[in-house]
């Protein structure tokens, strides 16, 4: 391949060339992997998080390999922080093409609803649902005049089935999918696409601690695709698709990244491949 052809191929491989992306919860886990991947594909990335040191360190890593990234402190439960993050993206880079509402948390495992307190429930919803609402609202504020944009939110397989996580976390993920669908209907008239990505368990430190997931437990959790383990990079690839022009006619969609987990009842299945 000649140099000219190589440059054209390289440019075409950069699926977010010229785009500006804001990622909440972007300092670690799925957010970090997405920031790195978006930058690799040509996007200018603004990382918004409460983890200042991690976020600034990530920006240096991205910049060191030729990418463009900056950091802004952002608590997604505070509207002024979300508003400032969106304004910073526009101020730094001139526009906002992709808003990824990725920030989220999970509460302590209390299976009985009698052990769940009102304050604990409200805390999870204030981060997971209110954060997505505020991110969507302020992204729409700058995307509507531009008549274009892609808004993504990290949901979960818990938005499809019950019994996997706590009452608060499960309710919050159902909430963000509902918010996504409603805003997709409203914002479509302005050329703005709104979608969710719903991962299965990603073995981050938070998930490992919550599920007590050691190496033996992973054999049970990841038995659906011959033991393949879901990684943050896999979820980032799904976000890349939804953020890019390759999904230009995809809106109101919840992209499940679960290896088939939510379509299988392992206790009633004729294909007994899960005992391997």
C-alpha atoms as a PDB file:
ATOM      1  CA  UNK A   1       0.000   0.000   0.000  1.00  0.00           C
ATOM      2  CA  UNK A   2       1.375   3.440  -0.978  1.00  0.00           C
ATOM      3  CA  UNK A   3       1.725   6.294   1.471  1.00  0.00           C
ATOM      4  CA  UNK A   4      -1.342   8.159   0.152  1.00  0.00           C
ATOM      5  CA  UNK A   5      -3.502   5.069   0.343  1.00  0.00           C
ATOM      6  CA  UNK A   6      -2.153   4.326   3.794  1.00  0.00           C
ATOM      7  CA  UNK A   7      -3.066   7.822   5.017  1.00  0.00           C
ATOM      8  CA  UNK A   8      -6.572   7.497   3.589  1.00  0.00           C
ATOM      9  CA  UNK A   9      -7.019   4.104   5.249  1.00  0.00           C
ATOM     10  CA  UNK A  10      -5.719   5.490   8.534  1.00  0.00           C
ATOM     11  CA  UNK A  11      -8.104   8.442   8.383  1.00  0.00           C
ATOM     12  CA  UNK A  12     -11.076   6.230   7.566  1.00  0.00           C
ATOM     13  CA  UNK A  13     -10.220   4.015  10.533  1.00  0.00           C
ATOM     14  CA  UNK A  14     -10.540   7.040  12.836  1.00  0.00           C
ATOM     15  CA  UNK A  15     -14.284   6.847  13.285  1.00  0.00           C
ATOM     16  CA  UNK A  16     -14.634   9.980  15.436  1.00  0.00           C
ATOM     17  CA  UNK A  17     -12.323  12.292  13.514  1.00  0.00           C
ATOM     18  CA  UNK A  18     -13.171  15.922  14.278  1.00  0.00           C
ATOM     19  CA  UNK A  19     -15.749  15.102  16.947  1.00  0.00           C
ATOM     20  CA  UNK A  20     -15.856  16.373  20.542  1.00  0.00           C
ATOM     21  CA  UNK A  21     -16.891  14.002  23.335  1.00  0.00           C
ATOM     22  CA  UNK A  22     -17.688  14.589  26.999  1.00  0.00           C
ATOM     23  CA  UNK A  23     -17.496  11.523  29.256  1.00  0.00           C
ATOM     24  CA  UNK A  24     -18.732  11.613  32.849  1.00  0.00           C
ATOM     25  CA  UNK A  25     -17.121   9.108  35.176  1.00  0.00           C
ATOM     26  CA  UNK A  26     -14.298   9.154  32.665  1.00  0.00           C
ATOM     27  CA  UNK A  27     -11.326   8.658  34.972  1.00  0.00           C
ATOM     28  CA  UNK A  28     -11.493   4.893  35.404  1.00  0.00           C
ATOM     29  CA  UNK A  29     -13.242   1.684  34.386  1.00  0.00           C
ATOM     30  CA  UNK A  30     -15.563   1.910  31.388  1.00  0.00           C
ATOM     31  CA  UNK A  31     -15.138   5.674  31.230  1.00  0.00           C
ATOM     32  CA  UNK A  32     -11.354   5.486  31.059  1.00  0.00           C
ATOM     33  CA  UNK A  33     -11.403   2.818  28.351  1.00  0.00           C
ATOM     34  CA  UNK A  34     -13.895   4.864  26.361  1.00  0.00           C
ATOM     35  CA  UNK A  35     -11.826   8.036  26.685  1.00  0.00           C
ATOM     36  CA  UNK A  36      -8.766   6.205  25.375  1.00  0.00           C
ATOM     37  CA  UNK A  37     -10.696   4.591  22.506  1.00  0.00           C
ATOM     38  CA  UNK A  38     -12.502   7.785  21.486  1.00  0.00           C
ATOM     39  CA  UNK A  39      -9.184   9.637  21.443  1.00  0.00           C
ATOM     40  CA  UNK A  40      -7.598   6.884  19.361  1.00  0.00           C
ATOM     41  CA  UNK A  41     -10.369   7.403  16.831  1.00  0.00           C
ATOM     42  CA  UNK A  42      -9.744  11.118  16.531  1.00  0.00           C
ATOM     43  CA  UNK A  43     -12.113  12.665  19.075  1.00  0.00           C
ATOM     44  CA  UNK A  44     -11.206  15.531  21.363  1.00  0.00           C
ATOM     45  CA  UNK A  45     -12.216  14.237  24.783  1.00  0.00           C
ATOM     46  CA  UNK A  46     -13.256  16.073  27.941  1.00  0.00           C
ATOM     47  CA  UNK A  47     -13.113  13.806  30.979  1.00  0.00           C
ATOM     48  CA  UNK A  48     -15.530  14.808  33.748  1.00  0.00           C
ATOM     49  CA  UNK A  49     -15.162  13.128  37.129  1.00  0.00           C
ATOM     50  CA  UNK A  50     -14.715  13.639  40.864  1.00  0.00           C
ATOM     51  CA  UNK A  51     -11.445  11.691  40.714  1.00  0.00           C
ATOM     52  CA  UNK A  52      -9.244  14.661  39.829  1.00  0.00           C
ATOM     53  CA  UNK A  53      -5.845  12.966  40.093  1.00  0.00           C
ATOM     54  CA  UNK A  54      -6.885   9.978  38.001  1.00  0.00           C
ATOM     55  CA  UNK A  55      -8.543  12.180  35.410  1.00  0.00           C
ATOM     56  CA  UNK A  56      -5.572  14.494  35.006  1.00  0.00           C
ATOM     57  CA  UNK A  57      -3.200  11.530  34.809  1.00  0.00           C
ATOM     58  CA  UNK A  58      -5.346   9.973  32.086  1.00  0.00           C
ATOM     59  CA  UNK A  59      -5.258  13.216  30.106  1.00  0.00           C
ATOM     60  CA  UNK A  60      -1.466  13.183  30.211  1.00  0.00           C
ATOM     61  CA  UNK A  61      -1.450   9.589  28.938  1.00  0.00           C
ATOM     62  CA  UNK A  62      -3.789  10.460  26.078  1.00  0.00           C
ATOM     63  CA  UNK A  63      -1.813  13.568  25.156  1.00  0.00           C
ATOM     64  CA  UNK A  64       1.470  11.640  25.241  1.00  0.00           C
ATOM     65  CA  UNK A  65       0.327   9.367  22.415  1.00  0.00           C
ATOM     66  CA  UNK A  66      -0.908  12.194  20.231  1.00  0.00           C
ATOM     67  CA  UNK A  67      -4.500  12.457  21.417  1.00  0.00           C
ATOM     68  CA  UNK A  68      -6.366  15.454  22.788  1.00  0.00           C
ATOM     69  CA  UNK A  69      -7.916  15.263  26.250  1.00  0.00           C
ATOM     70  CA  UNK A  70      -8.681  17.615  29.099  1.00  0.00           C
ATOM     71  CA  UNK A  71     -10.240  17.258  32.520  1.00  0.00           C
ATOM     72  CA  UNK A  72     -12.964  19.041  34.447  1.00  0.00           C
ATOM     73  CA  UNK A  73     -14.080  18.298  37.995  1.00  0.00           C
ATOM     74  CA  UNK A  74     -17.718  17.199  37.915  1.00  0.00           C
ATOM     75  CA  UNK A  75     -20.119  15.810  40.497  1.00  0.00           C
ATOM     76  CA  UNK A  76     -23.042  14.609  38.374  1.00  0.00           C
ATOM     77  CA  UNK A  77     -25.533  15.175  41.206  1.00  0.00           C
ATOM     78  CA  UNK A  78     -24.866  18.926  40.946  1.00  0.00           C
ATOM     79  CA  UNK A  79     -26.451  20.703  38.008  1.00  0.00           C
ATOM     80  CA  UNK A  80     -23.927  23.518  38.099  1.00  0.00           C
ATOM     81  CA  UNK A  81     -21.108  20.970  37.635  1.00  0.00           C
ATOM     82  CA  UNK A  82     -22.796  19.340  34.651  1.00  0.00           C
ATOM     83  CA  UNK A  83     -23.597  22.729  33.139  1.00  0.00           C
ATOM     84  CA  UNK A  84     -19.987  23.805  33.611  1.00  0.00           C
ATOM     85  CA  UNK A  85     -18.658  20.583  32.036  1.00  0.00           C
ATOM     86  CA  UNK A  86     -20.789  21.069  28.916  1.00  0.00           C
ATOM     87  CA  UNK A  87     -19.813  24.738  28.720  1.00  0.00           C
ATOM     88  CA  UNK A  88     -16.146  23.769  29.104  1.00  0.00           C
ATOM     89  CA  UNK A  89     -16.373  21.314  26.215  1.00  0.00           C
ATOM     90  CA  UNK A  90     -17.832  24.015  23.973  1.00  0.00           C
ATOM     91  CA  UNK A  91     -15.353  26.636  25.214  1.00  0.00           C
ATOM     92  CA  UNK A  92     -12.324  24.360  24.755  1.00  0.00           C
ATOM     93  CA  UNK A  93     -13.283  22.699  21.483  1.00  0.00           C
ATOM     94  CA  UNK A  94     -16.050  24.770  19.913  1.00  0.00           C
ATOM     95  CA  UNK A  95     -18.883  22.238  20.069  1.00  0.00           C
ATOM     96  CA  UNK A  96     -20.180  19.013  21.616  1.00  0.00           C
ATOM     97  CA  UNK A  97     -20.905  15.994  19.415  1.00  0.00           C
ATOM     98  CA  UNK A  98     -21.051  13.135  21.923  1.00  0.00           C
ATOM     99  CA  UNK A  99     -22.288  13.152  25.507  1.00  0.00           C
ATOM    100  CA  UNK A 100     -21.605   9.916  27.374  1.00  0.00           C
ATOM    101  CA  UNK A 101     -23.437   9.796  30.705  1.00  0.00           C
ATOM    102  CA  UNK A 102     -21.274   7.067  32.163  1.00  0.00           C
ATOM    103  CA  UNK A 103     -20.907   8.080  35.820  1.00  0.00           C
ATOM    104  CA  UNK A 104     -22.634   5.695  38.188  1.00  0.00           C
ATOM    105  CA  UNK A 105     -22.334   3.770  41.396  1.00  0.00           C
ATOM    106  CA  UNK A 106     -23.795   0.816  43.261  1.00  0.00           C
ATOM    107  CA  UNK A 107     -24.923   0.433  46.859  1.00  0.00           C
ATOM    108  CA  UNK A 108     -24.154  -2.159  49.493  1.00  0.00           C
ATOM    109  CA  UNK A 109     -25.774  -5.551  48.831  1.00  0.00           C
ATOM    110  CA  UNK A 110     -28.919  -5.687  50.997  1.00  0.00           C
ATOM    111  CA  UNK A 111     -31.198  -8.307  49.429  1.00  0.00           C
ATOM    112  CA  UNK A 112     -34.147  -7.589  51.758  1.00  0.00           C
ATOM    113  CA  UNK A 113     -36.101  -4.431  50.998  1.00  0.00           C
ATOM    114  CA  UNK A 114     -36.692  -4.154  54.754  1.00  0.00           C
ATOM    115  CA  UNK A 115     -32.987  -3.434  55.211  1.00  0.00           C
ATOM    116  CA  UNK A 116     -32.928  -0.684  52.568  1.00  0.00           C
ATOM    117  CA  UNK A 117     -33.177   2.894  53.774  1.00  0.00           C
ATOM    118  CA  UNK A 118     -34.771   5.838  52.000  1.00  0.00           C
ATOM    119  CA  UNK A 119     -31.509   7.790  52.070  1.00  0.00           C
ATOM    120  CA  UNK A 120     -29.515   4.932  50.534  1.00  0.00           C
ATOM    121  CA  UNK A 121     -32.092   4.522  47.770  1.00  0.00           C
ATOM    122  CA  UNK A 122     -32.111   8.242  47.041  1.00  0.00           C
ATOM    123  CA  UNK A 123     -28.317   8.387  46.899  1.00  0.00           C
ATOM    124  CA  UNK A 124     -28.111   5.784  44.115  1.00  0.00           C
ATOM    125  CA  UNK A 125     -30.877   7.419  42.094  1.00  0.00           C
ATOM    126  CA  UNK A 126     -29.322  10.863  42.539  1.00  0.00           C
ATOM    127  CA  UNK A 127     -26.098   9.676  40.889  1.00  0.00           C
ATOM    128  CA  UNK A 128     -27.304   7.134  38.360  1.00  0.00           C
ATOM    129  CA  UNK A 129     -30.581   8.704  37.215  1.00  0.00           C
ATOM    130  CA  UNK A 130     -30.246  12.390  38.070  1.00  0.00           C
ATOM    131  CA  UNK A 131     -26.725  12.430  36.626  1.00  0.00           C
ATOM    132  CA  UNK A 132     -28.026  11.015  33.338  1.00  0.00           C
ATOM    133  CA  UNK A 133     -30.946  13.452  33.330  1.00  0.00           C
ATOM    134  CA  UNK A 134     -28.721  16.490  33.900  1.00  0.00           C
ATOM    135  CA  UNK A 135     -26.164  15.280  31.359  1.00  0.00           C
ATOM    136  CA  UNK A 136     -28.850  14.736  28.750  1.00  0.00           C
ATOM    137  CA  UNK A 137     -30.489  18.088  29.500  1.00  0.00           C
ATOM    138  CA  UNK A 138     -27.343  20.177  29.183  1.00  0.00           C
ATOM    139  CA  UNK A 139     -26.013  18.253  26.202  1.00  0.00           C
ATOM    140  CA  UNK A 140     -29.341  18.876  24.476  1.00  0.00           C
ATOM    141  CA  UNK A 141     -29.016  22.584  25.321  1.00  0.00           C
ATOM    142  CA  UNK A 142     -25.990  22.917  23.027  1.00  0.00           C
ATOM    143  CA  UNK A 143     -26.871  20.178  20.545  1.00  0.00           C
ATOM    144  CA  UNK A 144     -30.343  21.476  19.630  1.00  0.00           C
ATOM    145  CA  UNK A 145     -29.020  24.665  17.954  1.00  0.00           C
ATOM    146  CA  UNK A 146     -26.459  22.528  16.084  1.00  0.00           C
ATOM    147  CA  UNK A 147     -29.174  20.079  14.946  1.00  0.00           C
ATOM    148  CA  UNK A 148     -26.906  17.113  15.587  1.00  0.00           C
ATOM    149  CA  UNK A 149     -25.398  15.035  18.378  1.00  0.00           C
ATOM    150  CA  UNK A 150     -25.247  11.657  20.056  1.00  0.00           C
ATOM    151  CA  UNK A 151     -26.178  11.176  23.719  1.00  0.00           C
ATOM    152  CA  UNK A 152     -25.265   7.888  25.398  1.00  0.00           C
ATOM    153  CA  UNK A 153     -25.938   6.571  28.887  1.00  0.00           C
ATOM    154  CA  UNK A 154     -24.488   3.528  30.609  1.00  0.00           C
ATOM    155  CA  UNK A 155     -27.384   1.346  31.721  1.00  0.00           C
ATOM    156  CA  UNK A 156     -27.077  -2.347  32.674  1.00  0.00           C
ATOM    157  CA  UNK A 157     -28.454  -5.818  32.120  1.00  0.00           C
ATOM    158  CA  UNK A 158     -30.321  -5.011  35.354  1.00  0.00           C
ATOM    159  CA  UNK A 159     -32.604  -2.856  33.218  1.00  0.00           C
ATOM    160  CA  UNK A 160     -33.789  -6.053  31.503  1.00  0.00           C
ATOM    161  CA  UNK A 161     -34.093  -8.606  34.290  1.00  0.00           C
ATOM    162  CA  UNK A 162     -34.563  -8.683  38.037  1.00  0.00           C
ATOM    163  CA  UNK A 163     -32.612 -10.339  40.816  1.00  0.00           C
ATOM    164  CA  UNK A 164     -29.111  -9.437  39.641  1.00  0.00           C
ATOM    165  CA  UNK A 165     -28.394  -6.386  41.800  1.00  0.00           C
ATOM    166  CA  UNK A 166     -29.881  -4.269  44.564  1.00  0.00           C
ATOM    167  CA  UNK A 167     -33.297  -2.644  44.460  1.00  0.00           C
ATOM    168  CA  UNK A 168     -31.854   0.855  44.133  1.00  0.00           C
ATOM    169  CA  UNK A 169     -29.336   0.002  41.416  1.00  0.00           C
ATOM    170  CA  UNK A 170     -31.867  -2.029  39.410  1.00  0.00           C
ATOM    171  CA  UNK A 171     -34.460   0.731  39.670  1.00  0.00           C
ATOM    172  CA  UNK A 172     -31.908   3.334  38.593  1.00  0.00           C
ATOM    173  CA  UNK A 173     -30.952   1.416  35.464  1.00  0.00           C
ATOM    174  CA  UNK A 174     -34.591   0.919  34.484  1.00  0.00           C
ATOM    175  CA  UNK A 175     -34.913   4.669  34.979  1.00  0.00           C
ATOM    176  CA  UNK A 176     -32.096   5.644  32.627  1.00  0.00           C
ATOM    177  CA  UNK A 177     -33.449   3.400  29.870  1.00  0.00           C
ATOM    178  CA  UNK A 178     -36.858   5.053  30.230  1.00  0.00           C
ATOM    179  CA  UNK A 179     -35.236   8.485  30.149  1.00  0.00           C
ATOM    180  CA  UNK A 180     -33.284   7.504  27.041  1.00  0.00           C
ATOM    181  CA  UNK A 181     -36.399   6.371  25.185  1.00  0.00           C
ATOM    182  CA  UNK A 182     -38.400   9.466  26.061  1.00  0.00           C
ATOM    183  CA  UNK A 183     -35.636  11.898  25.128  1.00  0.00           C
ATOM    184  CA  UNK A 184     -34.894   9.984  21.919  1.00  0.00           C
ATOM    185  CA  UNK A 185     -38.467  10.690  20.827  1.00  0.00           C
ATOM    186  CA  UNK A 186     -38.225  14.376  21.747  1.00  0.00           C
ATOM    187  CA  UNK A 187     -34.740  15.122  20.463  1.00  0.00           C
ATOM    188  CA  UNK A 188     -34.940  13.193  17.210  1.00  0.00           C
ATOM    189  CA  UNK A 189     -36.630  16.186  15.570  1.00  0.00           C
ATOM    190  CA  UNK A 190     -33.349  18.067  16.051  1.00  0.00           C
ATOM    191  CA  UNK A 191     -31.179  15.316  14.583  1.00  0.00           C
ATOM    192  CA  UNK A 192     -29.983  14.212  18.028  1.00  0.00           C
ATOM    193  CA  UNK A 193     -29.702  10.484  18.686  1.00  0.00           C
ATOM    194  CA  UNK A 194     -30.121   9.099  22.226  1.00  0.00           C
ATOM    195  CA  UNK A 195     -29.133   5.545  23.160  1.00  0.00           C
ATOM    196  CA  UNK A 196     -27.983   3.332  26.024  1.00  0.00           C
ATOM    197  CA  UNK A 197     -25.324   0.680  26.347  1.00  0.00           C
ATOM    198  CA  UNK A 198     -26.153  -2.069  28.846  1.00  0.00           C
ATOM    199  CA  UNK A 199     -23.191  -4.186  29.932  1.00  0.00           C
ATOM    200  CA  UNK A 200     -23.134  -7.404  31.875  1.00  0.00           C
ATOM    201  CA  UNK A 201     -20.774  -7.591  34.850  1.00  0.00           C
ATOM    202  CA  UNK A 202     -17.444  -5.937  34.089  1.00  0.00           C
ATOM    203  CA  UNK A 203     -14.790  -7.178  36.567  1.00  0.00           C
ATOM    204  CA  UNK A 204     -13.749  -3.761  37.852  1.00  0.00           C
ATOM    205  CA  UNK A 205     -12.571  -3.400  41.485  1.00  0.00           C
ATOM    206  CA  UNK A 206     -16.044  -2.093  42.393  1.00  0.00           C
ATOM    207  CA  UNK A 207     -17.816  -5.093  40.849  1.00  0.00           C
ATOM    208  CA  UNK A 208     -15.313  -7.594  42.254  1.00  0.00           C
ATOM    209  CA  UNK A 209     -15.864  -6.272  45.773  1.00  0.00           C
ATOM    210  CA  UNK A 210     -19.643  -6.147  45.403  1.00  0.00           C
ATOM    211  CA  UNK A 211     -19.963  -9.670  43.998  1.00  0.00           C
ATOM    212  CA  UNK A 212     -17.019 -11.203  45.892  1.00  0.00           C
ATOM    213  CA  UNK A 213     -15.829 -12.322  42.474  1.00  0.00           C
ATOM    214  CA  UNK A 214     -12.630 -14.329  42.747  1.00  0.00           C
ATOM    215  CA  UNK A 215     -11.195 -16.516  39.978  1.00  0.00           C
ATOM    216  CA  UNK A 216     -13.478 -19.413  40.895  1.00  0.00           C
ATOM    217  CA  UNK A 217     -16.573 -17.224  40.808  1.00  0.00           C
ATOM    218  CA  UNK A 218     -15.627 -15.936  37.361  1.00  0.00           C
ATOM    219  CA  UNK A 219     -16.099 -19.452  35.989  1.00  0.00           C
ATOM    220  CA  UNK A 220     -19.769 -19.115  36.913  1.00  0.00           C
ATOM    221  CA  UNK A 221     -20.255 -15.497  35.871  1.00  0.00           C
ATOM    222  CA  UNK A 222     -18.608 -15.868  32.468  1.00  0.00           C
ATOM    223  CA  UNK A 223     -19.905 -19.174  31.190  1.00  0.00           C
ATOM    224  CA  UNK A 224     -22.029 -17.965  28.278  1.00  0.00           C
ATOM    225  CA  UNK A 225     -19.422 -17.392  25.570  1.00  0.00           C
ATOM    226  CA  UNK A 226     -17.087 -20.245  26.404  1.00  0.00           C
ATOM    227  CA  UNK A 227     -15.572 -18.350  29.318  1.00  0.00           C
ATOM    228  CA  UNK A 228     -14.909 -15.064  27.494  1.00  0.00           C
ATOM    229  CA  UNK A 229     -14.680 -12.265  30.067  1.00  0.00           C
ATOM    230  CA  UNK A 230     -16.336  -8.911  29.438  1.00  0.00           C
ATOM    231  CA  UNK A 231     -13.786  -6.105  29.670  1.00  0.00           C
ATOM    232  CA  UNK A 232     -14.212  -2.321  29.876  1.00  0.00           C
ATOM    233  CA  UNK A 233     -12.756  -2.109  26.367  1.00  0.00           C
ATOM    234  CA  UNK A 234     -15.642  -4.193  25.034  1.00  0.00           C
ATOM    235  CA  UNK A 235     -18.188  -1.738  26.413  1.00  0.00           C
ATOM    236  CA  UNK A 236     -16.119   1.137  25.009  1.00  0.00           C
ATOM    237  CA  UNK A 237     -16.365  -0.436  21.552  1.00  0.00           C
ATOM    238  CA  UNK A 238     -20.161  -0.437  21.844  1.00  0.00           C
ATOM    239  CA  UNK A 239     -20.082   3.233  22.882  1.00  0.00           C
ATOM    240  CA  UNK A 240     -17.822   3.969  19.908  1.00  0.00           C
ATOM    241  CA  UNK A 241     -20.392   2.509  17.534  1.00  0.00           C
ATOM    242  CA  UNK A 242     -23.250   4.490  19.077  1.00  0.00           C
ATOM    243  CA  UNK A 243     -21.214   7.691  19.118  1.00  0.00           C
ATOM    244  CA  UNK A 244     -19.985   7.392  15.541  1.00  0.00           C
ATOM    245  CA  UNK A 245     -21.734   8.119  12.260  1.00  0.00           C
ATOM    246  CA  UNK A 246     -21.859   4.383  11.633  1.00  0.00           C
ATOM    247  CA  UNK A 247     -24.960   4.356  13.838  1.00  0.00           C
ATOM    248  CA  UNK A 248     -26.487   7.466  12.231  1.00  0.00           C
ATOM    249  CA  UNK A 249     -29.958   5.854  12.068  1.00  0.00           C
ATOM    250  CA  UNK A 250     -29.861   4.229  15.516  1.00  0.00           C
ATOM    251  CA  UNK A 251     -31.797   6.057  18.227  1.00  0.00           C
ATOM    252  CA  UNK A 252     -33.889   4.952  21.188  1.00  0.00           C
ATOM    253  CA  UNK A 253     -31.862   1.743  21.346  1.00  0.00           C
ATOM    254  CA  UNK A 254     -30.502  -0.122  24.371  1.00  0.00           C
ATOM    255  CA  UNK A 255     -27.407  -1.967  23.125  1.00  0.00           C
ATOM    256  CA  UNK A 256     -26.899  -4.965  25.406  1.00  0.00           C
ATOM    257  CA  UNK A 257     -23.335  -6.228  25.793  1.00  0.00           C
ATOM    258  CA  UNK A 258     -23.828  -9.399  27.801  1.00  0.00           C
ATOM    259  CA  UNK A 259     -22.721 -12.449  25.812  1.00  0.00           C
ATOM    260  CA  UNK A 260     -26.300 -13.720  25.793  1.00  0.00           C
ATOM    261  CA  UNK A 261     -26.801 -13.613  29.565  1.00  0.00           C
ATOM    262  CA  UNK A 262     -30.222 -11.965  29.494  1.00  0.00           C
ATOM    263  CA  UNK A 263     -31.715 -14.384  26.952  1.00  0.00           C
ATOM    264  CA  UNK A 264     -30.817 -17.587  28.803  1.00  0.00           C
ATOM    265  CA  UNK A 265     -32.489 -19.338  31.717  1.00  0.00           C
ATOM    266  CA  UNK A 266     -29.680 -21.663  32.843  1.00  0.00           C
ATOM    267  CA  UNK A 267     -32.087 -23.671  35.010  1.00  0.00           C
ATOM    268  CA  UNK A 268     -34.303 -24.533  32.058  1.00  0.00           C
ATOM    269  CA  UNK A 269     -32.205 -24.921  28.936  1.00  0.00           C
ATOM    270  CA  UNK A 270     -31.899 -27.815  26.496  1.00  0.00           C
ATOM    271  CA  UNK A 271     -28.384 -26.756  25.570  1.00  0.00           C
ATOM    272  CA  UNK A 272     -26.395 -27.866  28.602  1.00  0.00           C
ATOM    273  CA  UNK A 273     -23.183 -26.183  27.577  1.00  0.00           C
ATOM    274  CA  UNK A 274     -22.802 -24.166  30.762  1.00  0.00           C
ATOM    275  CA  UNK A 275     -21.350 -26.953  32.899  1.00  0.00           C
ATOM    276  CA  UNK A 276     -18.045 -27.007  31.033  1.00  0.00           C
END
